[in-house]
N, C-alpha and C. Protein backbone atom coordinates (compact mmCIF):
# COMPACT_ATOMS: atom_id res chain seq x y z
N UNK A 1 17.38 3.82 -1.80
CA UNK A 1 16.52 2.66 -1.93
C UNK A 1 17.39 1.43 -2.20
N UNK A 2 16.92 0.32 -1.73
CA UNK A 2 17.67 -0.92 -1.90
C UNK A 2 17.28 -1.61 -3.20
N UNK A 3 18.23 -2.37 -3.72
CA UNK A 3 17.95 -3.18 -4.88
C UNK A 3 17.20 -4.43 -4.44
N UNK A 4 16.29 -4.89 -5.28
CA UNK A 4 15.53 -6.10 -5.01
C UNK A 4 16.23 -7.23 -5.73
N UNK A 5 16.42 -8.35 -5.05
CA UNK A 5 17.04 -9.48 -5.73
C UNK A 5 16.12 -10.68 -5.64
N UNK A 6 16.19 -11.48 -6.67
CA UNK A 6 15.40 -12.71 -6.75
C UNK A 6 16.20 -13.74 -7.50
N UNK A 7 15.51 -14.74 -7.95
CA UNK A 7 16.17 -15.80 -8.71
C UNK A 7 16.68 -15.23 -10.03
N UNK A 8 17.98 -15.10 -10.17
CA UNK A 8 18.64 -14.63 -11.40
C UNK A 8 18.30 -13.19 -11.77
N UNK A 9 17.97 -12.37 -10.76
CA UNK A 9 17.62 -10.99 -11.08
C UNK A 9 17.98 -10.07 -9.92
N UNK A 10 18.50 -8.90 -10.26
CA UNK A 10 18.76 -7.85 -9.28
C UNK A 10 18.36 -6.54 -9.94
N UNK A 11 17.61 -5.71 -9.24
CA UNK A 11 17.22 -4.45 -9.85
C UNK A 11 16.30 -3.63 -8.98
N UNK A 12 15.83 -2.57 -9.59
CA UNK A 12 14.93 -1.63 -8.92
C UNK A 12 13.90 -1.20 -9.94
N UNK A 13 12.64 -1.35 -9.61
CA UNK A 13 11.56 -1.05 -10.53
C UNK A 13 10.61 -0.05 -9.87
N UNK A 14 11.10 1.19 -9.69
CA UNK A 14 10.34 2.20 -8.97
C UNK A 14 9.82 3.26 -9.94
N UNK A 15 8.56 3.65 -9.72
CA UNK A 15 7.92 4.62 -10.61
C UNK A 15 7.10 5.64 -9.84
N UNK A 16 7.05 6.85 -10.38
CA UNK A 16 6.12 7.88 -9.92
C UNK A 16 4.95 7.82 -10.89
N UNK A 17 3.75 7.57 -10.37
CA UNK A 17 2.55 7.46 -11.18
C UNK A 17 1.58 8.57 -10.80
N UNK A 18 0.78 9.00 -11.75
CA UNK A 18 -0.23 10.01 -11.48
C UNK A 18 -1.42 9.79 -12.41
N UNK A 19 -2.62 9.95 -11.86
CA UNK A 19 -3.84 9.88 -12.66
C UNK A 19 -4.93 10.67 -11.96
N UNK A 20 -6.03 10.93 -12.67
CA UNK A 20 -7.08 11.76 -12.09
C UNK A 20 -8.46 11.21 -12.45
N UNK A 21 -9.48 11.60 -11.65
CA UNK A 21 -10.85 11.20 -11.99
C UNK A 21 -11.26 11.84 -13.31
N UNK A 22 -12.16 11.17 -13.98
CA UNK A 22 -12.66 11.67 -15.26
C UNK A 22 -13.22 13.09 -15.07
N UNK A 23 -12.95 13.93 -16.02
CA UNK A 23 -13.34 15.35 -16.04
C UNK A 23 -12.69 16.15 -14.90
N UNK A 24 -11.72 15.53 -14.24
CA UNK A 24 -10.97 16.15 -13.14
C UNK A 24 -11.89 16.68 -12.04
N UNK A 25 -13.00 16.00 -11.83
CA UNK A 25 -13.89 16.36 -10.73
C UNK A 25 -13.15 16.18 -9.41
N UNK A 26 -13.47 17.02 -8.44
CA UNK A 26 -12.82 16.98 -7.13
C UNK A 26 -13.54 15.95 -6.23
N UNK A 27 -13.33 14.68 -6.52
CA UNK A 27 -14.03 13.60 -5.84
C UNK A 27 -13.48 13.32 -4.44
N UNK A 28 -12.31 13.84 -4.13
CA UNK A 28 -11.68 13.54 -2.84
C UNK A 28 -11.52 14.79 -1.98
N UNK A 29 -12.46 15.75 -2.15
CA UNK A 29 -12.45 16.95 -1.31
C UNK A 29 -12.78 16.59 0.13
N UNK A 30 -13.69 15.66 0.31
CA UNK A 30 -14.06 15.23 1.66
C UNK A 30 -13.00 14.27 2.19
N UNK A 31 -12.60 14.47 3.41
CA UNK A 31 -11.55 13.66 4.04
C UNK A 31 -11.91 12.18 4.07
N UNK A 32 -13.18 11.85 4.29
CA UNK A 32 -13.59 10.44 4.35
C UNK A 32 -13.39 9.75 3.00
N UNK A 33 -13.62 10.45 1.90
CA UNK A 33 -13.41 9.86 0.57
C UNK A 33 -11.92 9.72 0.26
N UNK A 34 -11.16 10.69 0.69
CA UNK A 34 -9.70 10.64 0.51
C UNK A 34 -9.13 9.45 1.27
N UNK A 35 -9.52 9.28 2.53
CA UNK A 35 -9.04 8.15 3.35
C UNK A 35 -9.46 6.82 2.75
N UNK A 36 -10.69 6.75 2.26
CA UNK A 36 -11.17 5.52 1.65
C UNK A 36 -10.33 5.16 0.43
N UNK A 37 -10.04 6.15 -0.41
CA UNK A 37 -9.22 5.90 -1.60
C UNK A 37 -7.84 5.42 -1.21
N UNK A 38 -7.24 6.02 -0.19
CA UNK A 38 -5.93 5.58 0.29
C UNK A 38 -5.97 4.13 0.75
N UNK A 39 -6.97 3.79 1.56
CA UNK A 39 -7.11 2.41 2.06
C UNK A 39 -7.26 1.42 0.91
N UNK A 40 -8.08 1.78 -0.06
CA UNK A 40 -8.31 0.91 -1.21
C UNK A 40 -7.01 0.70 -1.99
N UNK A 41 -6.28 1.78 -2.25
CA UNK A 41 -5.04 1.66 -3.01
C UNK A 41 -4.00 0.83 -2.27
N UNK A 42 -3.89 1.01 -0.94
CA UNK A 42 -2.96 0.19 -0.16
C UNK A 42 -3.36 -1.28 -0.22
N UNK A 43 -4.65 -1.57 -0.16
CA UNK A 43 -5.12 -2.95 -0.23
C UNK A 43 -4.83 -3.60 -1.57
N UNK A 44 -5.07 -2.88 -2.65
CA UNK A 44 -4.82 -3.38 -4.00
C UNK A 44 -3.32 -3.64 -4.17
N UNK A 45 -2.52 -2.69 -3.73
CA UNK A 45 -1.06 -2.82 -3.85
C UNK A 45 -0.58 -4.07 -3.13
N UNK A 46 -1.06 -4.27 -1.92
CA UNK A 46 -0.64 -5.44 -1.15
C UNK A 46 -1.03 -6.74 -1.85
N UNK A 47 -2.24 -6.77 -2.40
CA UNK A 47 -2.72 -7.96 -3.12
C UNK A 47 -1.85 -8.33 -4.31
N UNK A 48 -1.26 -7.32 -4.95
CA UNK A 48 -0.50 -7.55 -6.19
C UNK A 48 1.00 -7.36 -6.01
N UNK A 49 1.48 -7.38 -4.78
CA UNK A 49 2.92 -7.24 -4.47
C UNK A 49 3.51 -5.94 -5.02
N UNK A 50 2.72 -4.89 -4.98
CA UNK A 50 3.20 -3.56 -5.34
C UNK A 50 3.49 -2.84 -4.03
N UNK A 51 4.71 -2.34 -3.89
CA UNK A 51 5.07 -1.64 -2.65
C UNK A 51 4.85 -0.15 -2.84
N UNK A 52 4.02 0.43 -2.00
CA UNK A 52 3.77 1.87 -2.04
C UNK A 52 4.81 2.56 -1.16
N UNK A 53 5.62 3.40 -1.78
CA UNK A 53 6.64 4.17 -1.07
C UNK A 53 6.02 5.45 -0.52
N UNK A 54 5.23 6.12 -1.35
CA UNK A 54 4.58 7.37 -0.96
C UNK A 54 3.27 7.49 -1.74
N UNK A 55 2.24 8.01 -1.07
CA UNK A 55 0.92 8.16 -1.69
C UNK A 55 0.32 9.47 -1.25
N UNK A 56 -0.15 10.26 -2.22
CA UNK A 56 -0.88 11.50 -1.93
C UNK A 56 -2.15 11.50 -2.75
N UNK A 57 -3.27 11.44 -2.05
CA UNK A 57 -4.56 11.56 -2.72
C UNK A 57 -4.97 13.02 -2.61
N UNK A 58 -4.96 13.70 -3.74
CA UNK A 58 -5.33 15.11 -3.79
C UNK A 58 -6.83 15.18 -4.10
N UNK A 59 -7.41 16.36 -4.05
CA UNK A 59 -8.86 16.46 -4.28
C UNK A 59 -9.24 16.00 -5.69
N UNK A 60 -8.35 16.22 -6.66
CA UNK A 60 -8.71 15.88 -8.05
C UNK A 60 -7.66 15.04 -8.77
N UNK A 61 -6.71 14.45 -8.07
CA UNK A 61 -5.75 13.54 -8.70
C UNK A 61 -4.97 12.76 -7.65
N UNK A 62 -4.26 11.74 -8.13
CA UNK A 62 -3.49 10.84 -7.28
C UNK A 62 -2.03 10.93 -7.68
N UNK A 63 -1.14 11.03 -6.69
CA UNK A 63 0.31 10.88 -6.88
C UNK A 63 0.73 9.67 -6.07
N UNK A 64 1.51 8.79 -6.67
CA UNK A 64 1.95 7.61 -5.94
C UNK A 64 3.33 7.19 -6.44
N UNK A 65 4.21 6.84 -5.51
CA UNK A 65 5.52 6.30 -5.85
C UNK A 65 5.49 4.83 -5.44
N UNK A 66 5.75 3.95 -6.40
CA UNK A 66 5.63 2.51 -6.15
C UNK A 66 6.85 1.75 -6.63
N UNK A 67 7.09 0.61 -6.01
CA UNK A 67 8.04 -0.38 -6.52
C UNK A 67 7.18 -1.54 -7.01
N UNK A 68 7.33 -1.88 -8.27
CA UNK A 68 6.52 -2.97 -8.81
C UNK A 68 7.40 -4.21 -9.00
N UNK A 69 6.80 -5.39 -8.97
CA UNK A 69 7.58 -6.61 -9.16
C UNK A 69 8.29 -6.59 -10.53
N UNK A 70 9.43 -7.25 -10.65
CA UNK A 70 10.19 -7.22 -11.90
C UNK A 70 9.44 -7.83 -13.09
N UNK A 71 8.45 -8.66 -12.81
CA UNK A 71 7.70 -9.29 -13.90
C UNK A 71 6.48 -8.48 -14.32
N UNK A 72 6.24 -7.35 -13.66
CA UNK A 72 5.06 -6.53 -13.95
C UNK A 72 5.44 -5.29 -14.74
N UNK A 73 4.67 -4.98 -15.76
CA UNK A 73 4.91 -3.76 -16.53
C UNK A 73 4.25 -2.57 -15.83
N UNK A 74 4.67 -1.38 -16.20
CA UNK A 74 4.09 -0.17 -15.63
C UNK A 74 2.62 -0.09 -16.01
N UNK A 75 2.30 -0.41 -17.26
CA UNK A 75 0.90 -0.33 -17.69
C UNK A 75 0.03 -1.32 -16.93
N UNK A 76 0.56 -2.49 -16.61
CA UNK A 76 -0.20 -3.47 -15.83
C UNK A 76 -0.44 -2.95 -14.41
N UNK A 77 0.59 -2.35 -13.80
CA UNK A 77 0.44 -1.79 -12.46
C UNK A 77 -0.63 -0.70 -12.46
N UNK A 78 -0.60 0.19 -13.45
CA UNK A 78 -1.61 1.24 -13.55
C UNK A 78 -3.00 0.64 -13.77
N UNK A 79 -3.09 -0.36 -14.61
CA UNK A 79 -4.36 -1.03 -14.87
C UNK A 79 -4.94 -1.61 -13.58
N UNK A 80 -4.12 -2.28 -12.81
CA UNK A 80 -4.57 -2.89 -11.56
C UNK A 80 -5.00 -1.82 -10.56
N UNK A 81 -4.18 -0.80 -10.37
CA UNK A 81 -4.48 0.24 -9.40
C UNK A 81 -5.71 1.06 -9.78
N UNK A 82 -5.80 1.46 -11.03
CA UNK A 82 -6.93 2.28 -11.46
C UNK A 82 -8.22 1.45 -11.54
N UNK A 83 -8.13 0.28 -12.16
CA UNK A 83 -9.33 -0.53 -12.37
C UNK A 83 -9.95 -1.02 -11.08
N UNK A 84 -9.13 -1.62 -10.22
CA UNK A 84 -9.65 -2.16 -8.96
C UNK A 84 -10.11 -1.05 -8.02
N UNK A 85 -9.41 0.09 -8.02
CA UNK A 85 -9.83 1.17 -7.12
C UNK A 85 -11.17 1.76 -7.58
N UNK A 86 -11.38 1.91 -8.89
CA UNK A 86 -12.66 2.41 -9.39
C UNK A 86 -13.78 1.45 -8.98
N UNK A 87 -13.54 0.16 -9.16
CA UNK A 87 -14.54 -0.85 -8.81
C UNK A 87 -14.92 -0.76 -7.33
N UNK A 88 -13.92 -0.69 -6.47
CA UNK A 88 -14.17 -0.64 -5.03
C UNK A 88 -14.76 0.69 -4.59
N UNK A 89 -14.34 1.79 -5.21
CA UNK A 89 -14.92 3.09 -4.85
C UNK A 89 -16.40 3.13 -5.20
N UNK A 90 -16.77 2.60 -6.37
CA UNK A 90 -18.19 2.56 -6.75
C UNK A 90 -18.98 1.66 -5.80
N UNK A 91 -18.36 0.59 -5.33
CA UNK A 91 -19.03 -0.34 -4.43
C UNK A 91 -19.26 0.30 -3.05
N UNK A 92 -18.27 1.05 -2.56
CA UNK A 92 -18.36 1.62 -1.21
C UNK A 92 -18.99 3.01 -1.17
N UNK A 93 -18.97 3.71 -2.28
CA UNK A 93 -19.59 5.03 -2.38
C UNK A 93 -20.54 5.00 -3.57
N UNK A 94 -21.71 4.41 -3.37
CA UNK A 94 -22.65 4.22 -4.49
C UNK A 94 -23.07 5.53 -5.13
N UNK A 95 -23.06 6.63 -4.37
CA UNK A 95 -23.43 7.92 -4.94
C UNK A 95 -22.42 8.44 -5.95
N UNK A 96 -21.22 7.85 -6.02
CA UNK A 96 -20.27 8.22 -7.08
C UNK A 96 -20.84 7.87 -8.45
N UNK A 97 -21.76 6.91 -8.50
CA UNK A 97 -22.39 6.51 -9.78
C UNK A 97 -23.24 7.65 -10.33
N UNK A 98 -23.73 8.55 -9.48
CA UNK A 98 -24.51 9.69 -9.96
C UNK A 98 -23.64 10.59 -10.83
N UNK A 99 -22.37 10.75 -10.41
CA UNK A 99 -21.43 11.60 -11.15
C UNK A 99 -20.91 10.88 -12.40
N UNK A 100 -20.75 9.55 -12.29
CA UNK A 100 -20.21 8.73 -13.38
C UNK A 100 -21.17 7.59 -13.70
N UNK A 101 -22.30 7.87 -14.34
CA UNK A 101 -23.31 6.83 -14.58
C UNK A 101 -22.84 5.72 -15.52
N UNK A 102 -21.86 5.99 -16.35
CA UNK A 102 -21.37 4.95 -17.28
C UNK A 102 -20.29 4.07 -16.66
N UNK A 103 -19.93 4.35 -15.42
CA UNK A 103 -19.02 3.47 -14.70
C UNK A 103 -17.54 3.70 -14.97
N UNK A 104 -17.18 4.83 -15.59
CA UNK A 104 -15.76 5.14 -15.83
C UNK A 104 -15.34 6.22 -14.84
N UNK A 105 -14.73 5.81 -13.74
CA UNK A 105 -14.36 6.76 -12.70
C UNK A 105 -13.10 7.54 -13.05
N UNK A 106 -12.06 6.83 -13.48
CA UNK A 106 -10.78 7.48 -13.77
C UNK A 106 -10.70 7.91 -15.22
N UNK A 107 -10.03 9.00 -15.44
CA UNK A 107 -9.73 9.48 -16.80
C UNK A 107 -8.82 8.45 -17.48
N UNK A 108 -8.88 8.32 -18.80
CA UNK A 108 -8.00 7.35 -19.46
C UNK A 108 -6.52 7.76 -19.42
N UNK A 109 -6.23 9.01 -19.15
CA UNK A 109 -4.86 9.49 -19.12
C UNK A 109 -4.10 9.05 -17.88
N UNK A 110 -2.79 9.08 -18.00
CA UNK A 110 -1.93 8.72 -16.88
C UNK A 110 -0.54 9.27 -17.11
N UNK A 111 0.21 9.39 -16.03
CA UNK A 111 1.60 9.84 -16.10
C UNK A 111 2.45 8.82 -15.38
N UNK A 112 3.62 8.53 -15.93
CA UNK A 112 4.57 7.69 -15.22
C UNK A 112 5.98 8.15 -15.52
N UNK A 113 6.86 7.95 -14.57
CA UNK A 113 8.28 8.25 -14.75
C UNK A 113 9.05 7.31 -13.84
N UNK A 114 10.13 6.76 -14.37
CA UNK A 114 10.95 5.89 -13.54
C UNK A 114 11.70 6.74 -12.52
N UNK A 115 11.91 6.16 -11.36
CA UNK A 115 12.58 6.84 -10.26
C UNK A 115 13.66 5.91 -9.75
N UNK A 116 14.81 6.46 -9.42
CA UNK A 116 15.87 5.65 -8.85
C UNK A 116 16.81 6.51 -8.03
N UNK A 117 17.76 5.86 -7.38
CA UNK A 117 18.67 6.66 -6.58
C UNK A 117 19.87 7.15 -7.38
N UNK A 118 19.96 6.78 -8.64
CA UNK A 118 21.04 7.27 -9.50
C UNK A 118 20.42 8.14 -10.60
N UNK A 119 20.99 9.32 -10.81
CA UNK A 119 20.46 10.17 -11.87
C UNK A 119 21.04 9.75 -13.23
N UNK A 120 20.52 10.30 -14.29
CA UNK A 120 20.90 9.91 -15.64
C UNK A 120 22.39 10.07 -15.88
N UNK A 121 22.95 11.19 -15.47
CA UNK A 121 24.37 11.45 -15.69
C UNK A 121 25.24 10.40 -15.00
N UNK A 122 24.87 10.02 -13.79
CA UNK A 122 25.63 9.01 -13.04
C UNK A 122 25.61 7.67 -13.77
N UNK A 123 24.44 7.27 -14.26
CA UNK A 123 24.31 5.99 -14.96
C UNK A 123 25.11 6.00 -16.26
N UNK A 124 25.03 7.08 -17.02
CA UNK A 124 25.79 7.18 -18.29
C UNK A 124 27.28 7.10 -18.01
N UNK A 125 27.74 7.82 -17.00
CA UNK A 125 29.17 7.77 -16.65
C UNK A 125 29.58 6.37 -16.20
N UNK A 126 28.74 5.69 -15.45
CA UNK A 126 29.04 4.33 -15.00
C UNK A 126 29.20 3.40 -16.20
N UNK A 127 28.28 3.48 -17.14
CA UNK A 127 28.35 2.61 -18.33
C UNK A 127 29.60 2.94 -19.14
N UNK A 128 29.88 4.22 -19.31
CA UNK A 128 31.08 4.65 -20.05
C UNK A 128 32.34 4.15 -19.35
N UNK A 129 32.40 4.27 -18.02
CA UNK A 129 33.56 3.82 -17.25
C UNK A 129 33.75 2.31 -17.35
N UNK A 130 32.66 1.58 -17.44
CA UNK A 130 32.77 0.12 -17.57
C UNK A 130 33.47 -0.25 -18.87
N UNK A 131 33.11 0.47 -19.94
CA UNK A 131 33.74 0.22 -21.24
C UNK A 131 35.23 0.50 -21.16
N UNK A 132 35.63 1.62 -20.53
CA UNK A 132 37.04 1.97 -20.41
C UNK A 132 37.77 1.00 -19.49
N UNK A 133 37.11 0.57 -18.42
CA UNK A 133 37.71 -0.37 -17.49
C UNK A 133 37.96 -1.72 -18.17
N UNK A 134 37.00 -2.16 -18.99
CA UNK A 134 37.16 -3.43 -19.70
C UNK A 134 38.31 -3.34 -20.70
N UNK A 135 38.43 -2.20 -21.38
CA UNK A 135 39.51 -2.02 -22.35
C UNK A 135 40.86 -2.07 -21.64
N UNK A 136 41.00 -1.39 -20.51
CA UNK A 136 42.28 -1.39 -19.80
C UNK A 136 42.57 -2.78 -19.23
N UNK A 137 41.55 -3.53 -18.85
CA UNK A 137 41.74 -4.89 -18.36
C UNK A 137 42.23 -5.79 -19.50
N UNK A 138 41.66 -5.62 -20.69
CA UNK A 138 42.11 -6.40 -21.86
C UNK A 138 43.54 -6.04 -22.23
N UNK A 139 43.88 -4.75 -22.15
CA UNK A 139 45.25 -4.32 -22.47
C UNK A 139 46.24 -4.93 -21.47
N UNK A 140 45.85 -5.04 -20.22
CA UNK A 140 46.72 -5.62 -19.20
C UNK A 140 46.93 -7.10 -19.43
N UNK A 141 45.84 -7.82 -19.81
CA UNK A 141 45.93 -9.27 -20.02
C UNK A 141 46.70 -9.62 -21.28
N UNK A 142 46.52 -8.80 -22.34
CA UNK A 142 47.14 -9.08 -23.65
C UNK A 142 47.92 -7.85 -24.10
N UNK A 143 49.10 -7.62 -23.54
CA UNK A 143 49.84 -6.38 -23.84
C UNK A 143 50.21 -6.24 -25.32
N UNK A 144 50.35 -7.32 -26.04
CA UNK A 144 50.73 -7.23 -27.45
C UNK A 144 49.56 -7.03 -28.36
N UNK A 145 48.34 -7.22 -27.87
CA UNK A 145 47.13 -7.11 -28.70
C UNK A 145 46.61 -5.68 -28.68
N UNK A 146 46.34 -5.13 -29.81
CA UNK A 146 45.75 -3.78 -29.90
C UNK A 146 44.25 -3.93 -30.13
N UNK A 147 43.42 -3.42 -29.18
CA UNK A 147 41.98 -3.46 -29.35
C UNK A 147 41.45 -2.05 -29.51
N UNK A 148 40.33 -1.94 -30.17
CA UNK A 148 39.71 -0.62 -30.34
C UNK A 148 38.37 -0.55 -29.68
């Protein structure tokens, strides 16, 4: 994956997110409901500059890998995706209200994990190497100075 750069910022803000309908009901068993949920999520993501890398709508939960803007928190991204999708699903599938009469489509729970092209060990070694590289650079510039 490529790094995103902007004004005074370079980075990668990619996450694996997962959530499910309340009571884990199989609301997306029918292909038409699954497709509708996918379309809605893609639309919401586009509206909020969230890039969907991969999306799987399962019968009773959602898996999605997204890149979010650097100014957006993970909780805000989840709030936007879950809240707006529930609103639109209720609007387009009014019979979903029979299953969820109080209007809470998604369970309050959620899962998130950061994703990147470097694993933890690689990043730790990179940071450690930077410290050693800086020390050797200082030793080269100031041979008489002892630093710790």
